[in-house]
Amino acid sequence: MNRKILVVAAHPDDEVLGMGGTLTKLVKDGADVHIAFLSKGETSRGQKTANERLRTSQAEKVINTIKARLYWLANLPDNEFDTVSLLQVTKIVEAIIKKIHPDVIYTHHYGDLNIDHRIAFQAVMTACRPGKTLVKEIFSFEVLSSTEWQAKIGEKVFLPNYYVNIETYIEDKINLMNIYDREIGTFPFPRSETGIRTLAQYRGMESGLIYAEAFKLIRSINREKI
């Protein structure tokens, strides 16, 4: 039976920055991949309606290219998830978990600079509290211009312990990110083609690979009885 994968992302583009190569690899390996967004990532900017329409169409194009399934869970206020109760966000995440019954969930790093990322992580962990779901594994990913911009203090630091070889998929990742063309900048801005490639090379050096995406395994449960 194919694995069911759920990605819970705060904003469209986080899924590509965090794991665009891995997503492509998972689908090609036969996994059933579902990508869910908690916001459209535009309410903190001007020209909200036009920008939301553009971001929505870009996200749909990305997900169709990957050949995954797309879910708009909510349209929480961009960069203001903390104005919504954690209970409300958790219930949104719980509903999609109940619908999909994923084996594995990927979401944000709990120490990211971006408040929306941190709340997305907390909502996932609350929704996946032991006995509540049958999720076997939870991973967190890093997002350029958030994870590495956080203070390098204690638990805020992203310390990966799981690496995926994306040498075959690095160009796919860059092409997917280029669909979100308004989010791309010029190096040394992290969300640039050079920035994406450099991080993948750095994670590759950590793991003996050419290009890699890095994750932190948060929880792994083996329910087999011995």
C-alpha atoms as a PDB file:
ATOM      1  CA  MET A   1       0.000   0.000   0.000  1.00  0.00           C
ATOM      2  CA  ASN A   2       1.325   3.454  -0.934  1.00  0.00           C
ATOM      3  CA  ARG A   3       2.237   5.772   1.897  1.00  0.00           C
ATOM      4  CA  LYS A   4      -0.028   8.744   2.522  1.00  0.00           C
ATOM      5  CA  ILE A   5       1.951  11.940   2.999  1.00  0.00           C
ATOM      6  CA  LEU A   6       0.497  15.196   4.364  1.00  0.00           C
ATOM      7  CA  VAL A   7       2.370  18.494   4.202  1.00  0.00           C
ATOM      8  CA  VAL A   8       0.952  21.231   6.434  1.00  0.00           C
ATOM      9  CA  ALA A   9       2.384  24.567   5.301  1.00  0.00           C
ATOM     10  CA  ALA A  10       1.611  28.053   6.531  1.00  0.00           C
ATOM     11  CA  HIS A  11       1.872  29.715   3.112  1.00  0.00           C
ATOM     12  CA  PRO A  12       2.144  28.758  -0.559  1.00  0.00           C
ATOM     13  CA  ASP A  13       5.873  28.534  -1.429  1.00  0.00           C
ATOM     14  CA  ASP A  14       6.837  27.053   1.954  1.00  0.00           C
ATOM     15  CA  GLU A  15       6.226  23.572   0.554  1.00  0.00           C
ATOM     16  CA  VAL A  16       8.710  24.153  -2.272  1.00  0.00           C
ATOM     17  CA  LEU A  17      11.357  25.922  -0.205  1.00  0.00           C
ATOM     18  CA  GLY A  18      11.113  23.279   2.507  1.00  0.00           C
ATOM     19  CA  MET A  19      10.894  20.112   0.456  1.00  0.00           C
ATOM     20  CA  GLY A  20      10.274  20.719  -3.251  1.00  0.00           C
ATOM     21  CA  GLY A  21      12.787  18.078  -4.280  1.00  0.00           C
ATOM     22  CA  THR A  22      11.532  15.548  -1.746  1.00  0.00           C
ATOM     23  CA  LEU A  23       7.921  16.092  -2.814  1.00  0.00           C
ATOM     24  CA  THR A  24       8.813  15.378  -6.417  1.00  0.00           C
ATOM     25  CA  LYS A  25      10.746  12.279  -5.354  1.00  0.00           C
ATOM     26  CA  LEU A  26       7.918  11.023  -3.120  1.00  0.00           C
ATOM     27  CA  VAL A  27       5.337  11.265  -5.891  1.00  0.00           C
ATOM     28  CA  LYS A  28       7.631   9.533  -8.394  1.00  0.00           C
ATOM     29  CA  ASP A  29       8.220   6.800  -5.815  1.00  0.00           C
ATOM     30  CA  GLY A  30       4.466   6.188  -5.659  1.00  0.00           C
ATOM     31  CA  ALA A  31       3.484   8.021  -2.471  1.00  0.00           C
ATOM     32  CA  ASP A  32       0.042   9.612  -2.181  1.00  0.00           C
ATOM     33  CA  VAL A  33       0.988  13.226  -1.440  1.00  0.00           C
ATOM     34  CA  HIS A  34      -1.406  15.823  -0.009  1.00  0.00           C
ATOM     35  CA  ILE A  35      -0.395  19.472   0.479  1.00  0.00           C
ATOM     36  CA  ALA A  36      -2.460  21.712   2.731  1.00  0.00           C
ATOM     37  CA  PHE A  37      -2.097  25.462   3.277  1.00  0.00           C
ATOM     38  CA  LEU A  38      -3.286  27.411   6.296  1.00  0.00           C
ATOM     39  CA  SER A  39      -3.277  30.754   4.467  1.00  0.00           C
ATOM     40  CA  LYS A  40      -2.791  32.286   1.048  1.00  0.00           C
ATOM     41  CA  GLY A  41       0.162  34.286   2.313  1.00  0.00           C
ATOM     42  CA  GLU A  42      -0.993  37.680   1.096  1.00  0.00           C
ATOM     43  CA  THR A  43      -3.124  39.406   3.718  1.00  0.00           C
ATOM     44  CA  SER A  44      -0.155  41.337   5.148  1.00  0.00           C
ATOM     45  CA  ARG A  45       0.522  42.941   1.744  1.00  0.00           C
ATOM     46  CA  GLY A  46      -1.204  45.543  -0.376  1.00  0.00           C
ATOM     47  CA  GLN A  47      -3.605  44.741  -3.241  1.00  0.00           C
ATOM     48  CA  LYS A  48      -4.788  41.753  -1.247  1.00  0.00           C
ATOM     49  CA  THR A  49      -7.466  40.430  -3.619  1.00  0.00           C
ATOM     50  CA  ALA A  50      -5.364  40.507  -6.786  1.00  0.00           C
ATOM     51  CA  ASN A  51      -2.346  39.054  -5.000  1.00  0.00           C
ATOM     52  CA  GLU A  52      -4.405  36.256  -3.448  1.00  0.00           C
ATOM     53  CA  ARG A  53      -5.767  35.265  -6.848  1.00  0.00           C
ATOM     54  CA  LEU A  54      -2.248  35.169  -8.282  1.00  0.00           C
ATOM     55  CA  ARG A  55      -0.803  33.226  -5.332  1.00  0.00           C
ATOM     56  CA  THR A  56      -3.693  30.757  -5.487  1.00  0.00           C
ATOM     57  CA  SER A  57      -3.161  30.097  -9.189  1.00  0.00           C
ATOM     58  CA  GLN A  58       0.585  29.707  -8.641  1.00  0.00           C
ATOM     59  CA  ALA A  59       0.038  27.198  -5.838  1.00  0.00           C
ATOM     60  CA  GLU A  60      -2.366  25.233  -8.006  1.00  0.00           C
ATOM     61  CA  LYS A  61       0.197  25.150 -10.805  1.00  0.00           C
ATOM     62  CA  VAL A  62       2.910  23.936  -8.419  1.00  0.00           C
ATOM     63  CA  ILE A  63       0.742  21.173  -6.990  1.00  0.00           C
ATOM     64  CA  ASN A  64      -0.408  20.076 -10.453  1.00  0.00           C
ATOM     65  CA  THR A  65       3.223  19.970 -11.605  1.00  0.00           C
ATOM     66  CA  ILE A  66       4.191  17.818  -8.641  1.00  0.00           C
ATOM     67  CA  LYS A  67       1.041  15.717  -9.188  1.00  0.00           C
ATOM     68  CA  ALA A  68      -0.013  16.041  -5.567  1.00  0.00           C
ATOM     69  CA  ARG A  69      -3.393  16.939  -4.054  1.00  0.00           C
ATOM     70  CA  LEU A  70      -4.101  20.467  -2.875  1.00  0.00           C
ATOM     71  CA  TYR A  71      -6.154  21.634   0.105  1.00  0.00           C
ATOM     72  CA  TRP A  72      -6.861  25.185   1.213  1.00  0.00           C
ATOM     73  CA  LEU A  73      -7.510  24.564   4.895  1.00  0.00           C
ATOM     74  CA  ALA A  74      -8.200  28.165   5.782  1.00  0.00           C
ATOM     75  CA  ASN A  75      -7.221  31.704   4.946  1.00  0.00           C
ATOM     76  CA  LEU A  76      -5.668  32.698   8.236  1.00  0.00           C
ATOM     77  CA  PRO A  77      -4.193  36.217   8.412  1.00  0.00           C
ATOM     78  CA  ASP A  78      -0.675  36.283   6.976  1.00  0.00           C
ATOM     79  CA  ASN A  79       1.994  36.797   9.646  1.00  0.00           C
ATOM     80  CA  GLU A  80      -0.781  37.032  12.234  1.00  0.00           C
ATOM     81  CA  PHE A  81      -1.631  33.426  13.053  1.00  0.00           C
ATOM     82  CA  ASP A  82      -1.120  34.442  16.675  1.00  0.00           C
ATOM     83  CA  THR A  83      -4.317  36.521  16.472  1.00  0.00           C
ATOM     84  CA  VAL A  84      -6.262  33.266  16.061  1.00  0.00           C
ATOM     85  CA  SER A  85      -6.611  30.804  18.932  1.00  0.00           C
ATOM     86  CA  LEU A  86      -4.364  27.752  18.783  1.00  0.00           C
ATOM     87  CA  LEU A  87      -7.483  25.680  19.401  1.00  0.00           C
ATOM     88  CA  GLN A  88      -9.040  26.986  16.186  1.00  0.00           C
ATOM     89  CA  VAL A  89      -5.910  26.285  14.138  1.00  0.00           C
ATOM     90  CA  THR A  90      -5.590  22.829  15.694  1.00  0.00           C
ATOM     91  CA  LYS A  91      -9.182  21.967  14.818  1.00  0.00           C
ATOM     92  CA  ILE A  92      -8.481  22.935  11.194  1.00  0.00           C
ATOM     93  CA  VAL A  93      -5.474  20.608  11.124  1.00  0.00           C
ATOM     94  CA  GLU A  94      -7.360  17.845  12.919  1.00  0.00           C
ATOM     95  CA  ALA A  95     -10.086  17.951  10.279  1.00  0.00           C
ATOM     96  CA  ILE A  96      -7.669  17.400   7.395  1.00  0.00           C
ATOM     97  CA  ILE A  97      -5.878  14.599   9.271  1.00  0.00           C
ATOM     98  CA  LYS A  98      -9.217  12.910   9.887  1.00  0.00           C
ATOM     99  CA  LYS A  99     -10.071  13.209   6.186  1.00  0.00           C
ATOM    100  CA  ILE A 100      -6.744  11.954   4.797  1.00  0.00           C
ATOM    101  CA  HIS A 101      -5.460   9.570   7.513  1.00  0.00           C
ATOM    102  CA  PRO A 102      -1.805  10.248   6.658  1.00  0.00           C
ATOM    103  CA  ASP A 103       1.030   7.954   7.623  1.00  0.00           C
ATOM    104  CA  VAL A 104       3.580  10.780   7.620  1.00  0.00           C
ATOM    105  CA  ILE A 105       3.255  14.532   8.221  1.00  0.00           C
ATOM    106  CA  TYR A 106       5.765  17.207   7.248  1.00  0.00           C
ATOM    107  CA  THR A 107       5.502  20.721   8.632  1.00  0.00           C
ATOM    108  CA  HIS A 108       7.558  23.719   9.739  1.00  0.00           C
ATOM    109  CA  HIS A 109      10.427  23.913  12.202  1.00  0.00           C
ATOM    110  CA  TYR A 110       9.183  24.942  15.653  1.00  0.00           C
ATOM    111  CA  GLY A 111      11.933  27.552  16.041  1.00  0.00           C
ATOM    112  CA  ASP A 112      11.374  29.537  12.824  1.00  0.00           C
ATOM    113  CA  LEU A 113      11.448  33.322  12.874  1.00  0.00           C
ATOM    114  CA  ASN A 114       8.047  33.448  11.177  1.00  0.00           C
ATOM    115  CA  ILE A 115       5.238  33.264  13.753  1.00  0.00           C
ATOM    116  CA  ASP A 116       2.912  31.483  11.312  1.00  0.00           C
ATOM    117  CA  HIS A 117       5.443  28.678  10.892  1.00  0.00           C
ATOM    118  CA  ARG A 118       5.745  28.188  14.635  1.00  0.00           C
ATOM    119  CA  ILE A 119       1.988  28.037  15.128  1.00  0.00           C
ATOM    120  CA  ALA A 120       1.575  25.604  12.211  1.00  0.00           C
ATOM    121  CA  PHE A 121       4.063  23.275  13.927  1.00  0.00           C
ATOM    122  CA  GLN A 122       2.333  23.600  17.280  1.00  0.00           C
ATOM    123  CA  ALA A 123      -1.073  22.908  15.731  1.00  0.00           C
ATOM    124  CA  VAL A 124       0.249  19.776  14.017  1.00  0.00           C
ATOM    125  CA  MET A 125       1.772  18.464  17.227  1.00  0.00           C
ATOM    126  CA  THR A 126      -1.402  19.170  19.180  1.00  0.00           C
ATOM    127  CA  ALA A 127      -3.546  17.514  16.525  1.00  0.00           C
ATOM    128  CA  CYS A 128      -1.215  14.485  16.543  1.00  0.00           C
ATOM    129  CA  ARG A 129      -1.075  13.986  20.288  1.00  0.00           C
ATOM    130  CA  PRO A 130      -0.675  10.299  21.182  1.00  0.00           C
ATOM    131  CA  GLY A 131      -3.888   8.324  20.947  1.00  0.00           C
ATOM    132  CA  LYS A 132      -5.521  10.938  18.742  1.00  0.00           C
ATOM    133  CA  THR A 133      -4.241   9.799  15.335  1.00  0.00           C
ATOM    134  CA  LEU A 134      -2.385   6.919  13.692  1.00  0.00           C
ATOM    135  CA  VAL A 135       0.307   9.161  12.189  1.00  0.00           C
ATOM    136  CA  LYS A 136       3.537   7.183  12.268  1.00  0.00           C
ATOM    137  CA  GLU A 137       6.099   9.920  11.623  1.00  0.00           C
ATOM    138  CA  ILE A 138       6.323  13.694  11.900  1.00  0.00           C
ATOM    139  CA  PHE A 139       9.119  15.660  10.231  1.00  0.00           C
ATOM    140  CA  SER A 140       9.917  19.367  10.246  1.00  0.00           C
ATOM    141  CA  PHE A 141      11.596  21.172   7.361  1.00  0.00           C
ATOM    142  CA  GLU A 142      13.528  24.409   7.000  1.00  0.00           C
ATOM    143  CA  VAL A 143      12.344  27.424   5.005  1.00  0.00           C
ATOM    144  CA  LEU A 144      14.825  29.915   3.576  1.00  0.00           C
ATOM    145  CA  SER A 145      14.436  33.472   4.944  1.00  0.00           C
ATOM    146  CA  SER A 146      12.821  32.192   8.126  1.00  0.00           C
ATOM    147  CA  THR A 147      14.661  29.219   9.609  1.00  0.00           C
ATOM    148  CA  GLU A 148      18.162  30.576   9.126  1.00  0.00           C
ATOM    149  CA  TRP A 149      17.174  34.129  10.128  1.00  0.00           C
ATOM    150  CA  GLN A 150      16.133  33.081  13.629  1.00  0.00           C
ATOM    151  CA  ALA A 151      18.531  33.706  16.508  1.00  0.00           C
ATOM    152  CA  LYS A 152      21.019  30.868  16.837  1.00  0.00           C
ATOM    153  CA  ILE A 153      19.979  30.126  20.401  1.00  0.00           C
ATOM    154  CA  GLY A 154      19.039  26.799  21.961  1.00  0.00           C
ATOM    155  CA  GLU A 155      16.000  25.023  20.543  1.00  0.00           C
ATOM    156  CA  LYS A 156      15.457  27.732  17.929  1.00  0.00           C
ATOM    157  CA  VAL A 157      18.328  26.308  15.876  1.00  0.00           C
ATOM    158  CA  PHE A 158      17.331  23.851  13.151  1.00  0.00           C
ATOM    159  CA  LEU A 159      19.364  20.688  13.767  1.00  0.00           C
ATOM    160  CA  PRO A 160      18.502  18.153  11.050  1.00  0.00           C
ATOM    161  CA  ASN A 161      18.854  14.440  11.580  1.00  0.00           C
ATOM    162  CA  TYR A 162      17.311  13.145   8.346  1.00  0.00           C
ATOM    163  CA  TYR A 163      18.491  13.882   4.798  1.00  0.00           C
ATOM    164  CA  VAL A 164      16.963  13.180   1.393  1.00  0.00           C
ATOM    165  CA  ASN A 165      19.092  12.934  -1.742  1.00  0.00           C
ATOM    166  CA  ILE A 166      17.658  15.413  -4.276  1.00  0.00           C
ATOM    167  CA  GLU A 167      20.511  15.406  -6.769  1.00  0.00           C
ATOM    168  CA  THR A 168      18.087  14.205  -9.441  1.00  0.00           C
ATOM    169  CA  TYR A 169      15.446  16.731  -8.360  1.00  0.00           C
ATOM    170  CA  ILE A 170      17.298  19.988  -7.629  1.00  0.00           C
ATOM    171  CA  GLU A 171      16.313  21.477 -10.994  1.00  0.00           C
ATOM    172  CA  ASP A 172      12.698  20.454 -10.366  1.00  0.00           C
ATOM    173  CA  LYS A 173      12.818  22.311  -7.052  1.00  0.00           C
ATOM    174  CA  ILE A 174      14.191  25.471  -8.651  1.00  0.00           C
ATOM    175  CA  ASN A 175      11.653  25.306 -11.482  1.00  0.00           C
ATOM    176  CA  LEU A 176       8.829  24.894  -8.977  1.00  0.00           C
ATOM    177  CA  MET A 177      10.035  27.884  -6.976  1.00  0.00           C
ATOM    178  CA  ASN A 178      10.208  29.990 -10.129  1.00  0.00           C
ATOM    179  CA  ILE A 179       6.433  29.564 -10.433  1.00  0.00           C
ATOM    180  CA  TYR A 180       6.220  31.726  -7.310  1.00  0.00           C
ATOM    181  CA  ASP A 181       8.110  34.412  -9.204  1.00  0.00           C
ATOM    182  CA  ARG A 182       7.143  37.260  -6.852  1.00  0.00           C
ATOM    183  CA  GLU A 183       8.857  35.433  -3.994  1.00  0.00           C
ATOM    184  CA  ILE A 184      12.197  35.097  -5.784  1.00  0.00           C
ATOM    185  CA  GLY A 185      14.949  37.650  -5.182  1.00  0.00           C
ATOM    186  CA  THR A 186      18.550  38.226  -6.157  1.00  0.00           C
ATOM    187  CA  PHE A 187      21.385  36.537  -4.253  1.00  0.00           C
ATOM    188  CA  PRO A 188      22.392  36.953  -1.437  1.00  0.00           C
ATOM    189  CA  PHE A 189      18.649  37.004  -0.705  1.00  0.00           C
ATOM    190  CA  PRO A 190      18.013  33.435   0.497  1.00  0.00           C
ATOM    191  CA  ARG A 191      14.959  32.831  -1.710  1.00  0.00           C
ATOM    192  CA  SER A 192      16.959  32.981  -4.925  1.00  0.00           C
ATOM    193  CA  GLU A 193      18.114  30.274  -7.305  1.00  0.00           C
ATOM    194  CA  THR A 194      21.635  30.560  -5.926  1.00  0.00           C
ATOM    195  CA  GLY A 195      20.339  30.505  -2.349  1.00  0.00           C
ATOM    196  CA  ILE A 196      18.269  27.372  -2.933  1.00  0.00           C
ATOM    197  CA  ARG A 197      21.119  25.599  -4.666  1.00  0.00           C
ATOM    198  CA  THR A 198      23.653  26.661  -2.015  1.00  0.00           C
ATOM    199  CA  LEU A 199      21.542  25.346   0.862  1.00  0.00           C
ATOM    200  CA  ALA A 200      21.009  22.040  -0.961  1.00  0.00           C
ATOM    201  CA  GLN A 201      24.770  21.752  -1.493  1.00  0.00           C
ATOM    202  CA  TYR A 202      25.459  22.575   2.154  1.00  0.00           C
ATOM    203  CA  ARG A 203      23.005  19.928   3.341  1.00  0.00           C
ATOM    204  CA  GLY A 204      24.613  17.597   0.838  1.00  0.00           C
ATOM    205  CA  MET A 205      28.032  18.193   2.387  1.00  0.00           C
ATOM    206  CA  GLU A 206      26.595  17.324   5.797  1.00  0.00           C
ATOM    207  CA  SER A 207      25.342  13.995   4.514  1.00  0.00           C
ATOM    208  CA  GLY A 208      27.846  12.939   1.847  1.00  0.00           C
ATOM    209  CA  LEU A 209      25.516  13.844  -1.015  1.00  0.00           C
ATOM    210  CA  ILE A 210      25.695  16.326  -3.891  1.00  0.00           C
ATOM    211  CA  TYR A 211      22.334  17.976  -3.163  1.00  0.00           C
ATOM    212  CA  ALA A 212      20.095  17.225  -0.203  1.00  0.00           C
ATOM    213  CA  GLU A 213      17.087  18.482   1.690  1.00  0.00           C
ATOM    214  CA  ALA A 214      17.312  18.294   5.453  1.00  0.00           C
ATOM    215  CA  PHE A 215      14.616  17.459   7.970  1.00  0.00           C
ATOM    216  CA  LYS A 216      14.275  16.918  11.677  1.00  0.00           C
ATOM    217  CA  LEU A 217      12.494  13.723  12.649  1.00  0.00           C
ATOM    218  CA  ILE A 218      10.223  14.839  15.470  1.00  0.00           C
ATOM    219  CA  ARG A 219       8.444  11.576  16.169  1.00  0.00           C
ATOM    220  CA  SER A 220       8.522   8.019  14.861  1.00  0.00           C
ATOM    221  CA  ILE A 221       6.155   5.342  16.164  1.00  0.00           C
ATOM    222  CA  ASN A 222       6.431   1.633  15.410  1.00  0.00           C
ATOM    223  CA  ARG A 223       3.103   0.091  16.375  1.00  0.00           C
ATOM    224  CA  GLU A 224       4.044  -3.501  15.532  1.00  0.00           C
ATOM    225  CA  LYS A 225       3.707  -5.874  18.450  1.00  0.00           C
ATOM    226  CA  ILE A 226       6.750  -7.979  19.225  1.00  0.00           C
END
